[in-house]
Amino acid sequence: MMNPFPTHINLLGPCAAAFILVMAGCRGSSSSRPPIHISPNMDMQEKFEAQERNSFFADGRAMRAYVKGTVARGGLREDTRYYLGKTANGSFVTQIPIQVDAAVMERGRDRYEIFCSVCHGSAGDGRGIIMTGNYGYVPAPTYHSDALRAQSDGYLYDVIASGVRTMPSYAAQIRVKDRWAIVAYIRALQRSQNASISDVPETER
């Protein structure tokens, strides 16, 4: 004899019963039985928390200082010319220690416009929006003075990395290679505002 009820109606009862059982198990009642730990070492790890006492060491501290001379992976910066803009004896390098090409110049222009132009101006004349907006800041110097044209590349890099007078350090915002790219772009700005006809190729005059 043919079943007068469709198959999905026949399954309705068992599904409803299963749903009720599941919900009954989630009603939030308390239990005196200990919880089941599938992986106990994940719940109770053998480790010391910060500021916790550890009797293994004589001073009883779990937190240990780095071993003297320890350097984080990738943090060994032996090339002082690249990372500090200085020679081994501490004097500023006279030339940018990276290859300067069109890509570096474009990167320098991009970073300069973001971080430097607001004070130093797009032309490097010290007439950025912060300086011309009467906000009370100490005027930023122009890059086109004889004094700054005569400064070494390492000095300009150090100013970006360490700051000078009222200018703060930008080491946290600008990575090392980008600092050198900005120095290269500043040199281009200086040359553009202090060039003679002899600096222009004959084909471009």
N, C-alpha and C. Protein backbone atom coordinates (compact mmCIF):
# COMPACT_ATOMS: atom_id res chain seq x y z
N MET A 1 0.85 -1.18 0.00
CA MET A 1 0.00 0.00 0.00
C MET A 1 0.89 1.25 0.00
N MET A 2 0.57 2.24 -0.80
CA MET A 2 1.36 3.46 -0.93
C MET A 2 1.23 4.33 0.31
N ASN A 3 2.38 4.90 0.77
CA ASN A 3 2.39 5.81 1.91
C ASN A 3 1.67 7.09 1.52
N PRO A 4 0.58 7.46 2.25
CA PRO A 4 -0.19 8.65 1.87
C PRO A 4 0.51 9.95 2.24
N PHE A 5 1.61 9.89 3.05
CA PHE A 5 2.29 11.12 3.47
C PHE A 5 3.62 11.25 2.73
N PRO A 6 3.95 12.45 2.30
CA PRO A 6 5.25 12.67 1.64
C PRO A 6 6.39 12.33 2.60
N THR A 7 7.57 12.07 2.03
CA THR A 7 8.74 11.66 2.82
C THR A 7 9.15 12.72 3.82
N HIS A 8 9.11 14.05 3.41
CA HIS A 8 9.58 15.10 4.31
C HIS A 8 8.67 15.24 5.53
N ILE A 9 7.40 14.84 5.39
CA ILE A 9 6.50 14.89 6.54
C ILE A 9 6.82 13.75 7.50
N ASN A 10 7.23 12.60 6.95
CA ASN A 10 7.60 11.46 7.78
C ASN A 10 8.85 11.76 8.62
N LEU A 11 9.74 12.63 8.12
CA LEU A 11 10.97 12.96 8.84
C LEU A 11 10.79 14.08 9.83
N LEU A 12 9.64 14.74 9.82
CA LEU A 12 9.41 15.89 10.67
C LEU A 12 9.48 15.53 12.15
N GLY A 13 8.92 14.41 12.53
CA GLY A 13 8.90 14.00 13.92
C GLY A 13 10.29 13.75 14.48
N PRO A 14 11.12 12.92 13.84
CA PRO A 14 12.48 12.69 14.34
C PRO A 14 13.32 13.96 14.39
N CYS A 15 13.16 14.84 13.40
CA CYS A 15 13.94 16.09 13.39
C CYS A 15 13.54 16.99 14.55
N ALA A 16 12.24 17.05 14.83
CA ALA A 16 11.75 17.88 15.94
C ALA A 16 12.28 17.34 17.26
N ALA A 17 12.30 16.02 17.41
CA ALA A 17 12.79 15.42 18.65
C ALA A 17 14.27 15.72 18.84
N ALA A 18 15.05 15.63 17.77
CA ALA A 18 16.48 15.92 17.85
C ALA A 18 16.71 17.38 18.23
N PHE A 19 15.91 18.28 17.66
CA PHE A 19 16.05 19.71 17.96
C PHE A 19 15.77 19.98 19.44
N ILE A 20 14.74 19.33 19.97
CA ILE A 20 14.38 19.53 21.38
C ILE A 20 15.50 19.04 22.30
N LEU A 21 16.09 17.89 21.96
CA LEU A 21 17.19 17.36 22.76
C LEU A 21 18.40 18.30 22.76
N VAL A 22 18.72 18.84 21.58
CA VAL A 22 19.86 19.76 21.48
C VAL A 22 19.62 20.99 22.31
N MET A 23 18.44 21.56 22.20
CA MET A 23 18.12 22.77 22.95
C MET A 23 18.09 22.52 24.45
N ALA A 24 17.66 21.33 24.83
CA ALA A 24 17.62 20.99 26.26
C ALA A 24 19.04 20.95 26.83
N GLY A 25 19.97 20.52 25.99
CA GLY A 25 21.36 20.46 26.45
C GLY A 25 22.02 21.82 26.53
N CYS A 26 21.40 22.85 25.99
CA CYS A 26 21.97 24.21 25.99
C CYS A 26 21.20 25.14 26.90
N ARG A 27 20.46 24.59 27.88
CA ARG A 27 19.61 25.45 28.68
C ARG A 27 20.39 26.19 29.77
N GLY A 28 21.72 25.96 29.90
CA GLY A 28 22.54 26.72 30.81
C GLY A 28 22.52 26.25 32.24
N SER A 29 22.06 25.05 32.50
CA SER A 29 22.03 24.55 33.88
C SER A 29 23.44 24.21 34.33
N SER A 30 23.70 24.32 35.65
CA SER A 30 25.02 24.02 36.19
C SER A 30 25.16 22.53 36.43
N SER A 31 26.43 22.11 36.52
CA SER A 31 26.71 20.69 36.74
C SER A 31 27.87 20.56 37.70
N SER A 32 27.82 19.54 38.55
CA SER A 32 28.90 19.30 39.50
C SER A 32 30.00 18.43 38.90
N ARG A 33 29.76 17.92 37.72
CA ARG A 33 30.76 17.08 37.07
C ARG A 33 31.88 17.93 36.49
N PRO A 34 33.12 17.48 36.54
CA PRO A 34 34.24 18.27 35.98
C PRO A 34 34.11 18.34 34.47
N PRO A 35 34.59 19.44 33.88
CA PRO A 35 34.49 19.57 32.43
C PRO A 35 35.39 18.56 31.73
N ILE A 36 35.04 18.26 30.52
CA ILE A 36 35.83 17.33 29.72
C ILE A 36 36.92 18.13 29.01
N HIS A 37 38.19 17.77 29.23
CA HIS A 37 39.31 18.45 28.57
C HIS A 37 39.81 17.56 27.43
N ILE A 38 39.48 17.96 26.22
CA ILE A 38 39.92 17.18 25.07
C ILE A 38 41.44 17.23 24.96
N SER A 39 42.02 18.43 25.17
CA SER A 39 43.47 18.60 25.11
C SER A 39 43.90 19.39 26.34
N PRO A 40 44.16 18.72 27.46
CA PRO A 40 44.44 19.41 28.73
C PRO A 40 45.61 20.39 28.66
N ASN A 41 46.65 20.08 27.84
CA ASN A 41 47.82 20.96 27.82
C ASN A 41 47.50 22.33 27.21
N MET A 42 46.36 22.47 26.54
CA MET A 42 45.96 23.77 26.02
C MET A 42 45.28 24.59 27.11
N ASP A 43 44.66 23.93 28.08
CA ASP A 43 43.99 24.63 29.18
C ASP A 43 44.94 24.97 30.31
N MET A 44 45.88 24.07 30.56
CA MET A 44 46.80 24.25 31.67
C MET A 44 48.23 24.15 31.16
N GLN A 45 48.67 25.21 30.52
CA GLN A 45 49.99 25.23 29.92
C GLN A 45 51.07 25.42 30.98
N GLU A 46 52.15 24.72 30.81
CA GLU A 46 53.27 24.83 31.74
C GLU A 46 54.13 26.03 31.33
N LYS A 47 53.72 27.19 31.80
CA LYS A 47 54.45 28.41 31.46
C LYS A 47 54.29 29.42 32.59
N PHE A 48 55.08 30.47 32.53
CA PHE A 48 55.00 31.54 33.51
C PHE A 48 54.43 32.78 32.85
N GLU A 49 53.50 33.42 33.53
CA GLU A 49 52.90 34.64 33.02
C GLU A 49 53.78 35.84 33.38
N ALA A 50 53.48 36.99 32.78
CA ALA A 50 54.23 38.21 33.08
C ALA A 50 54.11 38.55 34.56
N GLN A 51 55.20 38.98 35.15
CA GLN A 51 55.28 39.38 36.55
C GLN A 51 55.13 38.20 37.52
N GLU A 52 55.09 36.99 37.01
CA GLU A 52 54.92 35.82 37.88
C GLU A 52 56.27 35.41 38.49
N ARG A 53 56.21 34.81 39.66
CA ARG A 53 57.43 34.38 40.34
C ARG A 53 57.91 33.04 39.77
N ASN A 54 59.22 32.91 39.64
CA ASN A 54 59.83 31.68 39.16
C ASN A 54 61.02 31.36 40.06
N SER A 55 60.88 30.33 40.84
CA SER A 55 61.91 29.99 41.82
C SER A 55 63.16 29.41 41.17
N PHE A 56 63.12 29.14 39.88
CA PHE A 56 64.28 28.58 39.20
C PHE A 56 65.45 29.56 39.20
N PHE A 57 65.13 30.86 39.09
CA PHE A 57 66.16 31.89 39.05
C PHE A 57 66.41 32.46 40.44
N ALA A 58 67.63 32.90 40.68
CA ALA A 58 68.02 33.40 42.00
C ALA A 58 67.23 34.62 42.41
N ASP A 59 66.88 35.46 41.45
CA ASP A 59 66.13 36.67 41.79
C ASP A 59 64.62 36.43 41.81
N GLY A 60 64.19 35.20 41.49
CA GLY A 60 62.79 34.83 41.58
C GLY A 60 61.90 35.40 40.50
N ARG A 61 62.47 36.01 39.47
CA ARG A 61 61.66 36.63 38.43
C ARG A 61 61.50 35.71 37.23
N ALA A 62 60.26 35.61 36.73
CA ALA A 62 60.03 34.82 35.53
C ALA A 62 60.42 35.60 34.28
N MET A 63 60.22 36.93 34.32
CA MET A 63 60.56 37.77 33.17
C MET A 63 62.06 38.02 33.18
N ARG A 64 62.73 37.71 32.07
CA ARG A 64 64.18 37.82 32.00
C ARG A 64 64.60 38.91 31.02
N ALA A 65 65.66 39.59 31.34
CA ALA A 65 66.21 40.59 30.43
C ALA A 65 66.92 39.87 29.27
N TYR A 66 67.00 40.55 28.12
CA TYR A 66 67.71 39.98 26.98
C TYR A 66 69.18 39.78 27.34
N VAL A 67 69.77 38.75 26.80
CA VAL A 67 71.20 38.53 26.99
C VAL A 67 71.94 39.71 26.35
N LYS A 68 72.94 40.22 27.03
CA LYS A 68 73.69 41.37 26.53
C LYS A 68 74.24 41.09 25.14
N GLY A 69 74.00 42.03 24.24
CA GLY A 69 74.46 41.87 22.86
C GLY A 69 73.45 41.21 21.95
N THR A 70 72.29 40.84 22.49
CA THR A 70 71.27 40.19 21.67
C THR A 70 70.69 41.19 20.66
N VAL A 71 70.54 40.75 19.42
CA VAL A 71 69.97 41.58 18.37
C VAL A 71 68.82 40.82 17.73
N ALA A 72 67.68 41.47 17.57
CA ALA A 72 66.53 40.83 16.95
C ALA A 72 66.86 40.47 15.50
N ARG A 73 66.22 39.41 15.00
CA ARG A 73 66.45 38.99 13.62
C ARG A 73 66.17 40.16 12.67
N GLY A 74 67.09 40.46 11.81
CA GLY A 74 66.93 41.56 10.87
C GLY A 74 67.27 42.92 11.47
N GLY A 75 67.68 42.95 12.74
CA GLY A 75 67.95 44.22 13.40
C GLY A 75 69.43 44.58 13.50
N LEU A 76 70.31 43.75 12.94
CA LEU A 76 71.74 44.03 12.98
C LEU A 76 72.07 45.06 11.90
N ARG A 77 72.31 46.28 12.32
CA ARG A 77 72.51 47.37 11.36
C ARG A 77 73.97 47.82 11.38
N GLU A 78 74.82 46.99 10.83
CA GLU A 78 76.25 47.27 10.82
C GLU A 78 76.63 48.34 9.81
N ASP A 79 75.83 48.46 8.75
CA ASP A 79 76.13 49.45 7.70
C ASP A 79 75.70 50.83 8.18
N THR A 80 76.60 51.52 8.87
CA THR A 80 76.26 52.83 9.43
C THR A 80 76.01 53.87 8.34
N ARG A 81 76.63 53.71 7.19
CA ARG A 81 76.42 54.67 6.10
C ARG A 81 74.97 54.65 5.64
N TYR A 82 74.40 53.45 5.57
CA TYR A 82 73.02 53.30 5.11
C TYR A 82 72.02 53.62 6.21
N TYR A 83 72.22 53.07 7.41
CA TYR A 83 71.23 53.20 8.47
C TYR A 83 71.33 54.50 9.28
N LEU A 84 72.54 55.06 9.36
CA LEU A 84 72.73 56.27 10.17
C LEU A 84 73.13 57.48 9.34
N GLY A 85 73.54 57.26 8.10
CA GLY A 85 74.01 58.36 7.29
C GLY A 85 75.38 58.85 7.72
N LYS A 86 76.12 57.97 8.43
CA LYS A 86 77.42 58.37 8.96
C LYS A 86 78.47 57.31 8.64
N THR A 87 79.72 57.75 8.59
CA THR A 87 80.83 56.84 8.41
C THR A 87 81.16 56.19 9.75
N ALA A 88 82.13 55.29 9.73
CA ALA A 88 82.51 54.58 10.95
C ALA A 88 83.04 55.53 12.02
N ASN A 89 83.62 56.66 11.60
CA ASN A 89 84.15 57.61 12.59
C ASN A 89 83.13 58.64 13.03
N GLY A 90 81.88 58.52 12.55
CA GLY A 90 80.80 59.39 13.01
C GLY A 90 80.54 60.62 12.18
N SER A 91 81.28 60.82 11.10
CA SER A 91 81.03 61.99 10.24
C SER A 91 79.95 61.65 9.21
N PHE A 92 79.22 62.67 8.77
CA PHE A 92 78.14 62.45 7.81
C PHE A 92 78.69 62.05 6.44
N VAL A 93 77.99 61.10 5.81
CA VAL A 93 78.39 60.69 4.46
C VAL A 93 78.12 61.84 3.49
N THR A 94 78.91 61.93 2.45
CA THR A 94 78.76 63.03 1.50
C THR A 94 77.86 62.66 0.33
N GLN A 95 77.66 61.34 0.12
CA GLN A 95 76.84 60.89 -1.00
C GLN A 95 75.81 59.86 -0.54
N ILE A 96 74.68 59.84 -1.22
CA ILE A 96 73.62 58.88 -0.91
C ILE A 96 74.12 57.46 -1.16
N PRO A 97 74.03 56.56 -0.18
CA PRO A 97 74.59 55.21 -0.31
C PRO A 97 73.69 54.20 -1.03
N ILE A 98 72.75 54.66 -1.81
CA ILE A 98 71.92 53.76 -2.63
C ILE A 98 71.95 54.25 -4.07
N GLN A 99 71.62 53.36 -4.98
CA GLN A 99 71.57 53.75 -6.39
C GLN A 99 70.34 54.61 -6.63
N VAL A 100 70.55 55.78 -7.16
CA VAL A 100 69.45 56.71 -7.42
C VAL A 100 69.04 56.60 -8.88
N ASP A 101 67.81 56.17 -9.09
CA ASP A 101 67.27 56.08 -10.45
C ASP A 101 65.90 56.74 -10.48
N ALA A 102 65.21 56.61 -11.59
CA ALA A 102 63.92 57.27 -11.76
C ALA A 102 62.91 56.79 -10.72
N ALA A 103 62.95 55.49 -10.40
CA ALA A 103 62.00 54.94 -9.42
C ALA A 103 62.25 55.52 -8.03
N VAL A 104 63.52 55.66 -7.66
CA VAL A 104 63.86 56.23 -6.36
C VAL A 104 63.44 57.70 -6.30
N MET A 105 63.67 58.43 -7.38
CA MET A 105 63.28 59.84 -7.41
C MET A 105 61.76 59.99 -7.30
N GLU A 106 61.02 59.13 -7.97
CA GLU A 106 59.56 59.20 -7.90
C GLU A 106 59.07 58.84 -6.50
N ARG A 107 59.71 57.87 -5.90
CA ARG A 107 59.35 57.52 -4.52
C ARG A 107 59.67 58.68 -3.57
N GLY A 108 60.81 59.31 -3.79
CA GLY A 108 61.18 60.45 -2.97
C GLY A 108 60.20 61.59 -3.11
N ARG A 109 59.76 61.86 -4.33
CA ARG A 109 58.76 62.91 -4.56
C ARG A 109 57.47 62.58 -3.84
N ASP A 110 57.04 61.32 -3.92
CA ASP A 110 55.79 60.90 -3.27
C ASP A 110 55.88 61.06 -1.75
N ARG A 111 56.96 60.58 -1.14
CA ARG A 111 57.12 60.68 0.31
C ARG A 111 57.32 62.15 0.74
N TYR A 112 58.02 62.92 -0.07
CA TYR A 112 58.23 64.33 0.26
C TYR A 112 56.90 65.07 0.29
N GLU A 113 56.07 64.83 -0.70
CA GLU A 113 54.78 65.52 -0.76
C GLU A 113 53.90 65.16 0.44
N ILE A 114 54.03 63.93 0.93
CA ILE A 114 53.21 63.49 2.06
C ILE A 114 53.73 64.06 3.38
N PHE A 115 55.03 63.92 3.62
CA PHE A 115 55.57 64.22 4.95
C PHE A 115 56.25 65.59 5.06
N CYS A 116 56.77 66.12 3.98
CA CYS A 116 57.63 67.30 4.07
C CYS A 116 57.00 68.58 3.52
N SER A 117 56.22 68.46 2.47
CA SER A 117 55.75 69.65 1.76
C SER A 117 54.83 70.53 2.61
N VAL A 118 54.15 69.95 3.60
CA VAL A 118 53.24 70.76 4.41
C VAL A 118 53.97 71.86 5.15
N CYS A 119 55.25 71.64 5.45
CA CYS A 119 56.06 72.68 6.10
C CYS A 119 57.04 73.32 5.12
N HIS A 120 57.76 72.48 4.37
CA HIS A 120 58.83 72.98 3.53
C HIS A 120 58.36 73.44 2.15
N GLY A 121 57.11 73.19 1.81
CA GLY A 121 56.58 73.62 0.52
C GLY A 121 56.92 72.65 -0.60
N SER A 122 56.08 72.62 -1.62
CA SER A 122 56.29 71.70 -2.74
C SER A 122 57.58 72.03 -3.49
N ALA A 123 57.99 73.28 -3.46
CA ALA A 123 59.22 73.68 -4.15
C ALA A 123 60.42 73.67 -3.22
N GLY A 124 60.21 73.33 -1.94
CA GLY A 124 61.31 73.32 -0.99
C GLY A 124 61.71 74.70 -0.51
N ASP A 125 60.82 75.66 -0.65
CA ASP A 125 61.14 77.04 -0.29
C ASP A 125 60.70 77.42 1.12
N GLY A 126 60.22 76.45 1.90
CA GLY A 126 59.80 76.74 3.27
C GLY A 126 58.45 77.42 3.36
N ARG A 127 57.66 77.32 2.28
CA ARG A 127 56.38 78.02 2.23
C ARG A 127 55.23 77.01 2.17
N GLY A 128 55.31 75.98 3.00
CA GLY A 128 54.22 75.00 3.06
C GLY A 128 53.00 75.57 3.74
N ILE A 129 51.89 74.84 3.64
CA ILE A 129 50.61 75.34 4.18
C ILE A 129 50.67 75.59 5.69
N ILE A 130 51.47 74.79 6.40
CA ILE A 130 51.61 75.00 7.85
C ILE A 130 52.32 76.32 8.14
N MET A 131 53.28 76.67 7.27
CA MET A 131 54.04 77.90 7.49
C MET A 131 53.28 79.14 7.04
N THR A 132 52.45 79.03 6.03
CA THR A 132 51.73 80.20 5.51
C THR A 132 50.35 80.36 6.13
N GLY A 133 49.95 79.45 7.00
CA GLY A 133 48.61 79.49 7.58
C GLY A 133 48.52 80.21 8.90
N ASN A 134 49.62 80.86 9.32
CA ASN A 134 49.62 81.61 10.58
C ASN A 134 49.22 80.74 11.78
N TYR A 135 49.84 79.56 11.85
CA TYR A 135 49.55 78.66 12.97
C TYR A 135 50.52 78.85 14.14
N GLY A 136 51.44 79.76 14.02
CA GLY A 136 52.36 80.04 15.11
C GLY A 136 53.60 79.16 15.15
N TYR A 137 53.86 78.41 14.09
CA TYR A 137 55.05 77.55 14.07
C TYR A 137 56.29 78.34 13.73
N VAL A 138 57.43 77.84 14.22
CA VAL A 138 58.72 78.42 13.83
C VAL A 138 58.90 78.20 12.33
N PRO A 139 59.23 79.22 11.57
CA PRO A 139 59.34 79.08 10.10
C PRO A 139 60.30 77.96 9.70
N ALA A 140 59.88 77.16 8.75
CA ALA A 140 60.74 76.10 8.22
C ALA A 140 61.76 76.73 7.27
N PRO A 141 62.99 76.23 7.28
CA PRO A 141 64.00 76.82 6.39
C PRO A 141 63.77 76.43 4.93
N THR A 142 64.23 77.27 4.04
CA THR A 142 64.22 76.94 2.63
C THR A 142 65.42 76.06 2.30
N TYR A 143 65.22 75.10 1.42
CA TYR A 143 66.33 74.24 1.00
C TYR A 143 67.26 74.96 0.02
N HIS A 144 66.86 76.14 -0.42
CA HIS A 144 67.62 76.83 -1.47
C HIS A 144 68.60 77.85 -0.92
N SER A 145 68.85 77.80 0.36
CA SER A 145 69.88 78.67 0.94
C SER A 145 71.25 78.04 0.69
N ASP A 146 72.26 78.88 0.67
CA ASP A 146 73.63 78.39 0.47
C ASP A 146 74.01 77.39 1.56
N ALA A 147 73.53 77.64 2.79
CA ALA A 147 73.89 76.77 3.91
C ALA A 147 73.38 75.35 3.72
N LEU A 148 72.14 75.19 3.29
CA LEU A 148 71.59 73.85 3.12
C LEU A 148 72.03 73.20 1.82
N ARG A 149 72.33 74.01 0.81
CA ARG A 149 72.88 73.41 -0.41
C ARG A 149 74.26 72.82 -0.13
N ALA A 150 74.97 73.41 0.83
CA ALA A 150 76.32 72.95 1.14
C ALA A 150 76.34 71.77 2.11
N GLN A 151 75.21 71.48 2.74
CA GLN A 151 75.16 70.37 3.71
C GLN A 151 75.30 69.03 2.99
N SER A 152 75.85 68.06 3.69
CA SER A 152 76.05 66.73 3.12
C SER A 152 74.73 65.96 3.05
N ASP A 153 74.70 64.93 2.22
CA ASP A 153 73.52 64.07 2.12
C ASP A 153 73.23 63.39 3.46
N GLY A 154 74.29 63.01 4.16
CA GLY A 154 74.12 62.36 5.46
C GLY A 154 73.45 63.26 6.48
N TYR A 155 73.75 64.55 6.41
CA TYR A 155 73.12 65.49 7.34
C TYR A 155 71.61 65.56 7.08
N LEU A 156 71.22 65.66 5.82
CA LEU A 156 69.79 65.72 5.50
C LEU A 156 69.08 64.45 5.95
N TYR A 157 69.74 63.31 5.75
CA TYR A 157 69.16 62.03 6.20
C TYR A 157 68.98 62.04 7.71
N ASP A 158 70.00 62.52 8.43
CA ASP A 158 69.95 62.53 9.89
C ASP A 158 68.84 63.44 10.41
N VAL A 159 68.58 64.54 9.73
CA VAL A 159 67.50 65.43 10.14
C VAL A 159 66.16 64.72 10.01
N ILE A 160 65.97 63.95 8.93
CA ILE A 160 64.72 63.21 8.76
C ILE A 160 64.59 62.15 9.85
N ALA A 161 65.68 61.45 10.13
CA ALA A 161 65.65 60.34 11.08
C ALA A 161 65.59 60.79 12.53
N SER A 162 66.32 61.86 12.86
CA SER A 162 66.46 62.26 14.25
C SER A 162 65.76 63.56 14.60
N GLY A 163 65.42 64.37 13.59
CA GLY A 163 64.84 65.68 13.85
C GLY A 163 65.91 66.71 14.14
N VAL A 164 65.53 67.96 14.15
CA VAL A 164 66.46 69.03 14.47
C VAL A 164 65.66 70.23 14.97
N ARG A 165 66.13 70.83 16.05
CA ARG A 165 65.44 71.97 16.66
C ARG A 165 63.95 71.66 16.85
N THR A 166 63.05 72.42 16.24
CA THR A 166 61.61 72.19 16.47
C THR A 166 61.03 71.12 15.56
N MET A 167 61.82 70.61 14.62
CA MET A 167 61.33 69.55 13.73
C MET A 167 61.50 68.20 14.43
N PRO A 168 60.42 67.41 14.54
CA PRO A 168 60.53 66.11 15.22
C PRO A 168 61.16 65.05 14.32
N SER A 169 61.50 63.93 14.91
CA SER A 169 62.00 62.79 14.15
C SER A 169 60.87 62.16 13.35
N TYR A 170 61.19 61.73 12.13
CA TYR A 170 60.23 61.00 11.31
C TYR A 170 60.65 59.55 11.11
N ALA A 171 61.51 59.06 12.01
CA ALA A 171 62.00 57.69 11.89
C ALA A 171 60.86 56.67 11.96
N ALA A 172 59.83 56.96 12.75
CA ALA A 172 58.72 56.02 12.90
C ALA A 172 57.81 56.02 11.68
N GLN A 173 57.78 57.12 10.94
CA GLN A 173 56.87 57.22 9.81
C GLN A 173 57.54 56.89 8.46
N ILE A 174 58.84 57.13 8.37
CA ILE A 174 59.53 56.98 7.08
C ILE A 174 60.63 55.94 7.21
N ARG A 175 60.55 54.89 6.44
CA ARG A 175 61.56 53.84 6.51
C ARG A 175 62.88 54.31 5.91
N VAL A 176 63.93 53.55 6.15
CA VAL A 176 65.29 53.97 5.83
C VAL A 176 65.45 54.30 4.35
N LYS A 177 65.07 53.40 3.48
CA LYS A 177 65.28 53.64 2.04
C LYS A 177 64.48 54.85 1.57
N ASP A 178 63.31 55.07 2.12
CA ASP A 178 62.50 56.23 1.74
C ASP A 178 63.14 57.53 2.20
N ARG A 179 63.86 57.50 3.32
CA ARG A 179 64.57 58.70 3.77
C ARG A 179 65.61 59.11 2.75
N TRP A 180 66.33 58.12 2.23
CA TRP A 180 67.33 58.43 1.20
C TRP A 180 66.67 58.90 -0.08
N ALA A 181 65.51 58.34 -0.39
CA ALA A 181 64.79 58.79 -1.59
C ALA A 181 64.37 60.25 -1.44
N ILE A 182 63.97 60.64 -0.25
CA ILE A 182 63.59 62.03 0.00
C ILE A 182 64.81 62.94 -0.14
N VAL A 183 65.96 62.49 0.37
CA VAL A 183 67.19 63.28 0.24
C VAL A 183 67.50 63.50 -1.24
N ALA A 184 67.36 62.44 -2.05
CA ALA A 184 67.62 62.57 -3.49
C ALA A 184 66.66 63.57 -4.13
N TYR A 185 65.41 63.55 -3.71
CA TYR A 185 64.43 64.48 -4.27
C TYR A 185 64.72 65.92 -3.83
N ILE A 186 65.15 66.10 -2.58
CA ILE A 186 65.51 67.44 -2.10
C ILE A 186 66.67 67.99 -2.94
N ARG A 187 67.64 67.15 -3.26
CA ARG A 187 68.75 67.58 -4.11
C ARG A 187 68.25 68.01 -5.49
N ALA A 188 67.26 67.28 -6.00
CA ALA A 188 66.69 67.66 -7.29
C ALA A 188 65.98 69.00 -7.19
N LEU A 189 65.25 69.23 -6.10
CA LEU A 189 64.59 70.52 -5.90
C LEU A 189 65.61 71.64 -5.83
N GLN A 190 66.69 71.41 -5.10
CA GLN A 190 67.72 72.43 -4.96
C GLN A 190 68.34 72.77 -6.32
N ARG A 191 68.59 71.74 -7.09
CA ARG A 191 69.20 71.99 -8.40
C ARG A 191 68.23 72.70 -9.34
N SER A 192 66.95 72.36 -9.23
CA SER A 192 65.97 72.98 -10.12
C SER A 192 65.83 74.47 -9.87
N GLN A 193 66.09 74.90 -8.63
CA GLN A 193 65.95 76.32 -8.28
C GLN A 193 67.28 77.06 -8.30
N ASN A 194 68.33 76.37 -8.66
CA ASN A 194 69.65 77.01 -8.65
C ASN A 194 70.48 76.53 -9.83
N ALA A 195 69.82 76.38 -10.96
CA ALA A 195 70.48 75.85 -12.15
C ALA A 195 70.84 76.97 -13.13
N SER A 196 71.81 76.67 -13.95
CA SER A 196 72.20 77.59 -15.01
C SER A 196 71.90 76.93 -16.35
N ILE A 197 72.04 77.69 -17.41
CA ILE A 197 71.74 77.15 -18.72
C ILE A 197 72.66 75.98 -19.07
N SER A 198 73.86 75.98 -18.47
CA SER A 198 74.79 74.90 -18.76
C SER A 198 74.34 73.57 -18.15
N ASP A 199 73.42 73.64 -17.16
CA ASP A 199 72.90 72.41 -16.57
C ASP A 199 71.84 71.73 -17.43
N VAL A 200 71.35 72.43 -18.41
CA VAL A 200 70.31 71.90 -19.28
C VAL A 200 70.94 71.29 -20.53
N PRO A 201 70.64 70.04 -20.84
CA PRO A 201 71.21 69.43 -22.05
C PRO A 201 70.90 70.26 -23.30
N GLU A 202 71.80 70.30 -24.22
CA GLU A 202 71.64 71.12 -25.43
C GLU A 202 70.36 70.78 -26.18
N THR A 203 70.00 69.49 -26.17
CA THR A 203 68.80 69.07 -26.89
C THR A 203 67.52 69.57 -26.24
N GLU A 204 67.62 70.00 -24.96
CA GLU A 204 66.45 70.44 -24.22
C GLU A 204 66.37 71.96 -24.08
N ARG A 205 67.39 72.68 -24.54
CA ARG A 205 67.41 74.13 -24.36
C ARG A 205 66.41 74.81 -25.29
